Protein backbone atom coordinates (compact mmCIF):
# COMPACT_ATOMS: atom_id res chain seq x y z
CA MET A 1 0.00 0.00 0.00
CA LYS A 2 1.15 3.51 -0.73
CA ARG A 3 0.07 6.38 1.48
CA ASN A 4 -0.11 10.03 0.40
CA ALA A 5 1.28 11.08 3.79
CA ILE A 6 4.70 9.67 2.78
CA GLN A 7 5.12 12.72 0.49
CA GLU A 8 4.54 15.04 3.44
CA LEU A 9 7.09 13.14 5.51
CA VAL A 10 9.64 13.36 2.66
CA ALA A 11 9.10 17.13 2.56
CA TRP A 12 9.50 17.22 6.35
CA LYS A 13 12.80 15.32 6.14
CA SER A 14 14.38 17.91 3.87
CA SER A 15 12.82 20.97 5.47
CA GLU A 16 15.15 23.49 7.11
CA ASP A 17 12.48 24.27 9.72
CA ARG A 18 12.09 20.62 10.65
CA LYS A 19 10.98 19.90 14.22
CA PRO A 20 10.27 16.49 15.77
CA MET A 21 7.22 15.09 13.96
CA VAL A 22 4.14 13.84 15.80
CA LEU A 23 1.56 11.79 13.90
CA LYS A 24 -1.95 11.82 15.25
CA GLY A 25 -5.00 9.88 14.17
CA ALA A 26 -7.36 7.19 15.39
CA ARG A 27 -6.03 3.80 16.38
CA GLN A 28 -5.33 1.31 13.55
CA VAL A 29 -5.18 3.87 10.71
CA GLY A 30 -1.62 2.81 9.87
CA LYS A 31 0.65 5.20 11.80
CA THR A 32 3.19 2.56 12.87
CA TRP A 33 3.39 1.07 9.39
CA LEU A 34 3.86 4.54 7.91
CA MET A 35 6.74 5.45 10.24
CA LYS A 36 8.58 2.18 9.58
CA GLU A 37 7.96 2.36 5.83
CA PHE A 38 9.32 5.93 5.82
CA GLY A 39 12.37 4.91 7.86
CA GLN A 40 13.09 1.94 5.64
CA ASN A 41 12.82 3.76 2.32
CA TYR A 42 14.22 7.21 3.07
CA TYR A 43 16.94 6.64 5.71
CA ASP A 44 19.99 4.41 6.04
CA SER A 45 18.25 2.78 8.99
CA TYR A 46 15.64 3.35 11.66
CA VAL A 47 15.38 2.52 15.36
CA TYR A 48 11.96 1.70 16.78
CA PHE A 49 10.88 2.14 20.40
CA ASN A 50 7.41 1.25 21.67
CA PHE A 51 6.46 2.72 25.05
CA ASP A 52 3.53 0.37 25.43
CA GLU A 53 5.67 -2.75 25.16
CA GLU A 54 8.91 -1.66 26.83
CA ASP A 55 8.24 -0.22 30.26
CA GLU A 56 11.91 0.26 31.12
CA LEU A 57 12.24 2.81 28.30
CA LYS A 58 10.26 5.26 30.39
CA SER A 59 12.99 5.47 33.05
CA ILE A 60 15.40 6.93 30.46
CA PHE A 61 13.09 9.88 29.90
CA GLU A 62 12.09 10.22 33.53
CA THR A 63 15.70 10.69 34.64
CA ASN A 64 17.29 12.48 31.66
CA LYS A 65 16.53 15.76 29.96
CA ASN A 66 19.68 15.92 27.84
CA PRO A 67 18.97 14.69 24.30
CA GLN A 68 22.62 13.68 23.67
CA ARG A 69 22.54 11.42 26.74
CA ILE A 70 19.15 10.02 25.68
CA ILE A 71 20.55 9.23 22.20
CA GLU A 72 23.51 7.39 23.80
CA LEU A 73 21.20 5.26 25.91
CA LEU A 74 18.80 4.59 23.02
CA SER A 75 21.78 3.55 20.84
CA LEU A 76 22.76 1.02 23.50
CA ILE A 77 19.22 -0.39 23.64
CA ALA A 78 18.89 -0.51 19.85
CA GLY A 79 22.33 -2.07 19.45
CA GLU A 80 23.36 0.40 16.76
CA LYS A 81 24.78 3.89 16.64
CA ILE A 82 22.13 6.53 15.97
CA LEU A 83 23.46 8.96 13.37
CA PRO A 84 22.11 12.48 12.79
CA GLY A 85 20.09 12.65 9.56
CA LYS A 86 20.90 9.01 8.69
CA THR A 87 18.92 7.15 11.38
CA LEU A 88 15.22 7.80 11.87
CA ILE A 89 14.25 7.61 15.55
CA ILE A 90 10.70 6.27 15.97
CA PHE A 91 8.76 6.58 19.22
CA ASP A 92 5.49 4.63 19.14
CA GLU A 93 2.62 4.77 21.67
CA ILE A 94 4.31 7.89 23.07
CA GLN A 95 1.14 8.77 25.01
CA GLU A 96 2.25 6.08 27.52
CA CYS A 97 5.24 8.24 28.45
CA PRO A 98 4.39 11.94 28.79
CA GLU A 99 8.05 12.65 29.71
CA ALA A 100 9.14 11.40 26.29
CA LEU A 101 6.55 13.64 24.64
CA ASN A 102 7.94 16.59 26.58
CA THR A 103 11.54 15.68 25.74
CA LEU A 104 10.75 16.40 22.09
CA LYS A 105 11.17 20.08 22.84
CA TYR A 106 14.79 19.47 23.95
CA PHE A 107 15.42 17.64 20.70
CA LYS A 108 14.12 20.69 18.88
CA GLU A 109 16.20 23.12 20.93
CA LYS A 110 19.45 21.19 21.45
CA ALA A 111 19.64 18.28 19.02
CA ASN A 112 17.59 19.12 15.97
CA GLU A 113 20.09 17.35 13.70
CA TYR A 114 18.47 14.08 14.83
CA HIS A 115 15.32 13.09 12.98
CA VAL A 116 12.60 12.08 15.45
CA ILE A 117 9.08 10.91 14.63
CA ALA A 118 6.45 9.91 17.20
CA ALA A 119 2.91 8.57 17.21
CA GLY A 120 0.34 7.14 19.52
CA SER A 121 -3.32 6.35 19.79
CA LEU A 122 -5.54 8.86 21.59
CA LEU A 123 -2.74 11.40 21.23
CA GLY A 124 -5.31 13.90 20.01
CA THR A 125 -7.09 13.82 23.36
CA LEU A 126 -3.78 14.39 25.11
CA LEU A 127 -2.75 17.25 22.81
CA ALA A 128 -6.11 18.91 23.43
CA GLN A 129 -5.12 19.41 27.07
CA PRO A 130 -3.05 22.50 27.81
CA LYS A 131 0.48 21.97 29.16
CA SER A 132 0.55 18.34 28.11
CA TYR A 133 2.93 18.69 25.20
CA PRO A 134 5.59 21.06 23.83
CA VAL A 135 3.45 23.53 21.90
CA GLY A 136 5.24 25.02 18.91
CA MET A 137 8.17 22.64 19.32
CA VAL A 138 6.82 19.83 17.14
CA ASN A 139 5.31 19.39 13.66
CA LEU A 140 1.91 17.71 13.67
CA LEU A 141 0.51 15.54 10.88
CA ASP A 142 -2.97 14.01 10.86
CA ILE A 143 -3.20 10.45 9.58
CA TYR A 144 -6.59 9.26 8.34
CA PRO A 145 -7.87 5.95 6.97
CA LEU A 146 -7.07 5.38 3.27
CA THR A 147 -8.86 7.89 1.08
CA PHE A 148 -10.60 6.72 -2.08
CA ASP A 149 -7.56 7.42 -4.29
CA GLU A 150 -5.24 5.47 -1.96
CA PHE A 151 -7.78 2.62 -1.89
CA LEU A 152 -7.94 2.62 -5.69
CA GLU A 153 -4.16 2.54 -6.02
CA ALA A 154 -3.99 -0.41 -3.62
CA THR A 155 -6.78 -2.43 -5.28
CA ASP A 156 -6.63 -1.64 -9.01
CA GLU A 157 -3.47 -0.01 -10.34
CA SER A 158 -4.53 0.33 -13.97
CA LEU A 159 -7.80 2.01 -13.01
CA TYR A 160 -5.84 4.23 -10.62
CA ALA A 161 -3.59 5.30 -13.51
CA TYR A 162 -6.70 6.33 -15.46
CA TYR A 163 -8.08 8.13 -12.39
CA CYS A 164 -4.83 10.14 -12.06
CA SER A 165 -5.08 11.18 -15.71
CA ILE A 166 -8.53 12.78 -15.32
CA GLN A 167 -8.21 16.53 -15.92
CA LYS A 168 -10.58 19.42 -15.39
CA GLU A 169 -13.54 19.35 -17.82
CA GLN A 170 -12.35 16.11 -19.40
CA PRO A 171 -15.16 13.77 -20.50
CA ILE A 172 -14.97 10.39 -18.76
CA GLU A 173 -15.68 7.41 -21.03
CA GLU A 174 -18.64 5.34 -19.88
CA ILE A 175 -16.62 2.16 -19.44
CA PHE A 176 -14.29 3.94 -16.98
CA HIS A 177 -17.16 5.80 -15.32
CA ASN A 178 -18.84 2.46 -14.56
CA ARG A 179 -15.64 0.85 -13.32
CA LEU A 180 -14.88 3.79 -11.04
CA LEU A 181 -18.44 3.78 -9.68
CA GLU A 182 -18.05 0.10 -8.90
CA ALA A 183 -14.80 0.86 -7.06
CA TYR A 184 -16.67 3.59 -5.15
CA ASN A 185 -19.33 1.06 -4.10
CA TYR A 186 -16.62 -1.30 -2.88
CA TYR A 187 -15.05 1.54 -0.91
CA LEU A 188 -18.35 2.19 0.86
CA ILE A 189 -18.37 -1.45 1.98
CA ILE A 190 -14.67 -1.91 2.77
CA GLY A 191 -13.76 1.61 3.87
CA GLY A 192 -10.20 2.82 4.35
CA MET A 193 -8.94 0.96 7.42
CA PRO A 194 -5.62 -0.59 6.28
CA GLU A 195 -6.48 -4.00 7.75
CA CYS A 196 -9.75 -4.13 5.79
CA VAL A 197 -8.10 -3.05 2.55
CA SER A 198 -5.25 -5.57 2.80
CA SER A 199 -7.72 -8.34 3.69
CA TRP A 200 -9.78 -7.45 0.62
CA ILE A 201 -6.69 -7.55 -1.62
CA ALA A 202 -5.65 -10.93 -0.19
CA HIS A 203 -8.99 -12.74 0.10
CA LYS A 204 -11.78 -10.79 -1.64
CA ASP A 205 -14.06 -12.08 1.13
CA PRO A 206 -16.78 -9.66 2.35
CA ALA A 207 -17.44 -11.82 5.44
CA LYS A 208 -13.81 -11.32 6.54
CA ILE A 209 -14.13 -7.55 6.07
CA SER A 210 -17.26 -7.50 8.18
CA GLN A 211 -15.50 -9.47 10.94
CA ILE A 212 -12.52 -7.07 10.95
CA GLN A 213 -14.87 -4.06 11.13
CA LYS A 214 -16.73 -5.64 14.04
CA GLU A 215 -13.44 -6.20 15.87
CA LEU A 216 -12.22 -2.66 15.15
CA ILE A 217 -15.40 -1.20 16.63
CA GLU A 218 -14.83 -3.39 19.70
CA VAL A 219 -11.26 -2.03 19.95
CA TYR A 220 -12.57 1.54 19.91
CA GLU A 221 -15.33 0.85 22.41
CA ASN A 222 -12.78 -0.86 24.61
CA ASP A 223 -10.61 2.28 24.42
CA PHE A 224 -13.53 4.34 25.68
CA SER A 225 -14.08 2.10 28.66
CA LYS A 226 -10.36 1.98 29.53
CA HIS A 227 -10.26 5.75 29.38
CA ASN A 228 -10.37 6.95 32.96
CA GLY A 229 -9.78 10.68 32.68
CA LYS A 230 -12.26 13.29 33.81
CA VAL A 231 -14.67 12.46 30.99
CA ASN A 232 -17.17 9.75 31.89
CA SER A 233 -16.43 6.70 29.73
CA GLY A 234 -20.06 5.55 29.74
CA ARG A 235 -21.09 8.83 28.14
CA ILE A 236 -18.39 8.53 25.47
CA LEU A 237 -19.81 5.12 24.59
CA MET A 238 -23.40 6.42 24.54
CA VAL A 239 -22.51 9.24 22.14
CA PHE A 240 -20.58 6.88 19.85
CA ARG A 241 -23.42 4.38 19.76
CA SER A 242 -25.99 7.09 19.02
CA ILE A 243 -24.29 8.23 15.77
CA VAL A 244 -26.24 5.96 13.40
CA ALA A 245 -29.57 7.07 14.89
CA GLN A 246 -28.44 10.72 14.82
CA LEU A 247 -27.60 10.53 11.11
CA ALA A 248 -30.76 8.61 10.26
CA LYS A 249 -32.95 11.53 11.41
CA SER A 250 -34.32 13.79 8.70
CA ASN A 251 -32.03 16.73 9.56
CA GLU A 252 -29.02 14.76 10.91
CA LYS A 253 -28.24 17.54 13.41
CA PHE A 254 -26.80 16.13 16.61
CA MET A 255 -29.47 16.05 19.34
CA TYR A 256 -28.47 15.40 22.94
CA GLY A 257 -31.93 14.02 23.61
CA ALA A 258 -31.30 11.27 21.05
CA VAL A 259 -28.39 9.97 23.15
CA ARG A 260 -30.55 9.72 26.24
CA GLU A 261 -34.02 10.98 26.91
CA GLY A 262 -33.78 14.40 28.50
CA GLY A 263 -30.05 14.52 27.69
CA ARG A 264 -28.51 17.99 27.71
CA ALA A 265 -25.40 19.58 26.27
CA ARG A 266 -23.67 19.67 29.64
CA ASP A 267 -24.11 15.89 30.00
CA PHE A 268 -22.40 14.99 26.76
CA GLU A 269 -20.27 17.95 25.61
CA GLU A 270 -17.03 16.61 27.05
CA ALA A 271 -17.66 13.13 25.64
CA ILE A 272 -18.11 14.64 22.16
CA GLU A 273 -14.91 16.72 22.50
CA TRP A 274 -13.07 13.56 23.54
CA LEU A 275 -14.32 11.56 20.53
CA VAL A 276 -13.50 14.38 18.09
CA SER A 277 -10.00 14.86 19.61
CA ALA A 278 -9.39 11.10 19.48
CA GLY A 279 -10.07 11.23 15.74
CA THR A 280 -13.01 8.82 15.98
CA LEU A 281 -15.70 11.32 14.98
CA ASN A 282 -15.65 14.20 12.49
CA ARG A 283 -17.67 17.26 13.47
CA VAL A 284 -19.18 19.70 10.99
CA TYR A 285 -20.61 22.99 12.26
CA ASN A 286 -23.70 24.74 10.99
CA VAL A 287 -23.02 28.36 10.02
CA SER A 288 -25.39 31.30 10.34
CA LYS A 289 -24.11 32.88 7.09
CA MET A 290 -22.59 31.42 3.94
CA GLU A 291 -19.84 34.00 3.80
CA HIS A 292 -16.07 34.20 4.10
CA PRO A 293 -14.57 33.44 6.64
CA LEU A 294 -16.87 30.53 7.47
CA ALA A 295 -15.47 29.95 10.96
CA ALA A 296 -16.67 33.41 12.03
CA PHE A 297 -20.27 32.22 11.57
CA ASP A 298 -20.08 28.86 13.35
CA LYS A 299 -23.11 28.04 15.48
CA LEU A 300 -21.19 26.19 18.15
CA ASP A 301 -24.32 24.51 19.49
CA GLN A 302 -25.38 23.12 16.09
CA PHE A 303 -23.34 20.46 14.36
CA LYS A 304 -23.39 17.03 12.76
CA LEU A 305 -21.13 14.20 13.80
CA PHE A 306 -19.84 11.65 11.29
CA VAL A 307 -17.68 8.55 11.74
CA PHE A 308 -14.04 8.87 10.65
CA ASP A 309 -14.29 5.82 8.35
CA THR A 310 -17.23 5.19 6.03
CA GLY A 311 -16.76 1.41 6.05
CA LEU A 312 -17.10 1.39 9.84
CA LEU A 313 -20.24 3.54 9.67
CA LYS A 314 -21.72 1.18 7.09
CA HIS A 315 -21.02 -1.73 9.44
CA MET A 316 -22.43 0.13 12.48
CA ALA A 317 -25.62 0.89 10.54
CA GLY A 318 -25.95 -2.78 9.57
CA ILE A 319 -26.38 -2.03 5.86
CA ASP A 320 -26.35 -5.18 3.75
CA ASN A 321 -23.74 -5.18 0.97
CA SER A 322 -26.40 -6.02 -1.61
CA ALA A 323 -28.17 -2.71 -0.89
CA ILE A 324 -25.04 -0.81 -1.95
CA LEU A 325 -24.09 -3.04 -4.89
CA LEU A 326 -27.54 -3.46 -6.44
CA LYS A 327 -28.15 0.29 -6.89
CA THR A 328 -31.25 0.19 -4.71
CA ASP A 329 -32.40 3.08 -2.58
CA TYR A 330 -32.00 2.18 1.05
CA GLN A 331 -32.84 4.17 4.14
CA PHE A 332 -29.32 5.24 5.13
CA LYS A 333 -27.95 6.09 1.66
CA GLY A 334 -27.89 9.89 2.17
CA PRO A 335 -25.96 9.91 5.47
CA LEU A 336 -23.51 7.26 4.25
CA THR A 337 -22.81 9.33 1.12
CA GLU A 338 -22.29 12.51 3.18
CA ASN A 339 -19.97 10.62 5.53
CA TYR A 340 -17.92 9.52 2.51
CA VAL A 341 -17.84 13.03 0.99
CA LEU A 342 -16.67 14.57 4.25
CA GLN A 343 -14.00 11.88 4.70
CA GLN A 344 -12.60 12.67 1.21
CA LEU A 345 -12.80 16.46 1.64
CA ARG A 346 -10.94 16.54 4.95
CA GLY A 347 -7.45 17.94 4.64
CA GLN A 348 -7.97 19.09 1.03
CA PHE A 349 -8.76 22.72 1.90
CA GLU A 350 -7.27 25.00 4.53
CA VAL A 351 -10.62 25.34 6.31
CA GLU A 352 -12.68 22.30 7.32
CA PRO A 353 -16.09 22.07 5.57
CA ARG A 354 -19.25 23.47 7.21
CA TYR A 355 -22.95 23.09 6.39
CA TYR A 356 -25.91 25.46 6.33
CA SER A 357 -29.36 24.80 7.68
CA ASP A 358 -32.29 27.01 8.67
CA LYS A 359 -36.09 26.57 8.74
CA ASN A 360 -36.43 26.76 4.98
CA SER A 361 -33.31 25.34 3.45
CA GLU A 362 -30.30 23.10 3.86
CA ILE A 363 -26.96 22.97 2.03
CA ASP A 364 -25.06 19.70 2.66
CA PHE A 365 -21.58 21.21 2.78
CA LEU A 366 -19.81 24.53 2.27
CA ILE A 367 -16.21 24.65 1.14
CA GLN A 368 -14.06 27.73 1.67
CA TYR A 369 -11.67 28.09 -1.27
CA GLY A 370 -9.63 31.26 -0.92
CA THR A 371 -12.29 33.88 -0.23
CA GLU A 372 -14.87 31.99 -2.26
CA ILE A 373 -17.61 29.91 -0.62
CA ILE A 374 -18.65 26.86 -2.66
CA PRO A 375 -22.02 25.21 -1.93
CA VAL A 376 -22.01 21.40 -2.15
CA GLU A 377 -24.87 18.96 -2.64
CA ALA A 378 -24.12 15.27 -1.93
CA LYS A 379 -26.41 12.75 -3.63
CA GLY A 380 -26.15 8.99 -3.18
CA GLY A 381 -27.71 8.17 -6.54
CA GLU A 382 -28.44 9.89 -9.85
CA ASP A 383 -31.28 12.01 -8.51
CA LYS A 384 -30.68 15.74 -8.98
CA SER A 385 -33.60 17.39 -7.22
CA ALA A 386 -32.28 19.80 -4.61
CA PRO A 387 -34.56 22.82 -4.17
CA SER A 388 -32.49 24.60 -1.43
CA PHE A 389 -29.31 24.14 -3.43
CA LYS A 390 -30.82 25.49 -6.63
CA LYS A 391 -32.47 28.41 -4.84
CA TYR A 392 -29.14 29.36 -3.23
CA ILE A 393 -27.44 29.32 -6.64
CA ALA A 394 -30.21 31.42 -8.19
CA ASP A 395 -30.01 33.98 -5.35
CA HIS A 396 -26.23 34.18 -4.90
CA HIS A 397 -24.66 33.19 -8.25
CA PRO A 398 -21.57 31.53 -6.70
CA GLU A 399 -18.59 31.09 -8.99
CA HIS A 400 -18.66 27.34 -8.38
CA ALA A 401 -21.46 25.05 -7.20
CA LEU A 402 -20.77 21.33 -6.84
CA ARG A 403 -23.07 18.35 -6.89
CA TYR A 404 -21.51 14.98 -6.08
CA SER A 405 -23.58 12.08 -7.39
CA LYS A 406 -23.44 8.92 -9.50
CA ARG A 407 -24.05 10.91 -12.67
CA GLY A 408 -21.19 11.59 -15.08
CA TYR A 409 -18.78 14.54 -14.89
CA ARG A 410 -20.50 17.51 -16.55
CA ARG A 411 -21.82 21.02 -16.18
CA ASP A 412 -25.59 21.42 -15.63
CA GLY A 413 -26.03 25.17 -16.02
CA ALA A 414 -24.39 26.76 -12.98
CA ILE A 415 -23.82 23.39 -11.32
CA THR A 416 -20.77 21.20 -11.88
CA ASN A 417 -21.68 17.57 -11.38
CA LEU A 418 -18.72 15.59 -10.08
CA PRO A 419 -19.06 11.80 -9.83
CA LEU A 420 -18.65 10.61 -6.24
CA TYR A 421 -15.35 8.93 -7.07
CA LEU A 422 -13.81 12.34 -7.84
CA VAL A 423 -14.37 14.02 -4.44
CA ARG A 424 -10.66 13.63 -3.65
CA LYS A 425 -9.84 15.59 -6.82
CA THR A 426 -12.22 18.46 -6.03
CA LYS A 427 -9.43 21.05 -5.74
CA ASP A 428 -7.95 20.03 -9.12
CA MET A 429 -11.36 20.34 -10.76
CA LEU A 430 -12.03 23.93 -9.67
């Protein structure tokens, strides 16, 4: 498997402003694999330390603040000399040793010639707490499940080559359109978790995928219950388990009362923050105005929550594969499509997407592109009725308006219709 994040790590390696790199992202999205792959292909060697497995490592960081001394001791443990710029130093599960996380600032200040990369699960929740890590002394990189383009490259290289060749306003031949739509359907079922994708490549067995997804959800739920900070773990679990029902409602807006009857913001706010910081849920805010800058108009009490991987959401919702593959309309098609669109849009633009909703109208997503605000309609099928979307375009004449659907790539008046498999190429198509 190839991951796009490797390019960012290569740029980091050669950057003059390089600081120790911290990867964050939900558990099992491939952080460890990525660090080792990077070390193997772009350095003479790498040394790997896992704070979860080797308890005695912690004592090195608890008693030493001098990076040179730490390097000496780590060299002894690794059994090889650690060379500046030639050896990549990998710290995994660094959340188990807060002292090591803090030591990164000394590497930045006193030993920046050494290349250090760190990762850990639930790091996001730790980094969200003030004073818990060296602010400004590290580079941060978010790692997500495989996006559609990465999935395509892993599962069908010749189709991926065609996908890469698609340019702005280029007609897509029907044979390729159909093959890419089929790949999109598979992605909805398999999702982007590396274990699911490699299982699919090896066995092509949907039952195995389903089993892996079930186990992954158990891993996450287990993480919630092990979590014993100030946020109540039972509430974290309740919020997580309410997501399918939240998205199945007609307006999808997160309602505290849907988690528990009579539930209020103050009961579940911290649980939501925890899940978003952990990378398990993606939050999209409603805005009061569709104007630049979007963040200035966030309604902080109105948002939707989506799952960070579409395959996992599909499994949680219990959607049968045949519903997706046989082009039928099923109850949860809209939310699943939106979840997919958001997952592909994340990280493409400087500002995270928002949505707009009032009594009379709803726009699925808003993208901020420079100073321009682009309205987005996400459709799971070929249907193109969208009264609010069309009214907005008629009233505001935006420079771009995007509809993602299963229709071909074309302009319909003011609307550009992008097939769902091209969401990852949105920026290139503008």
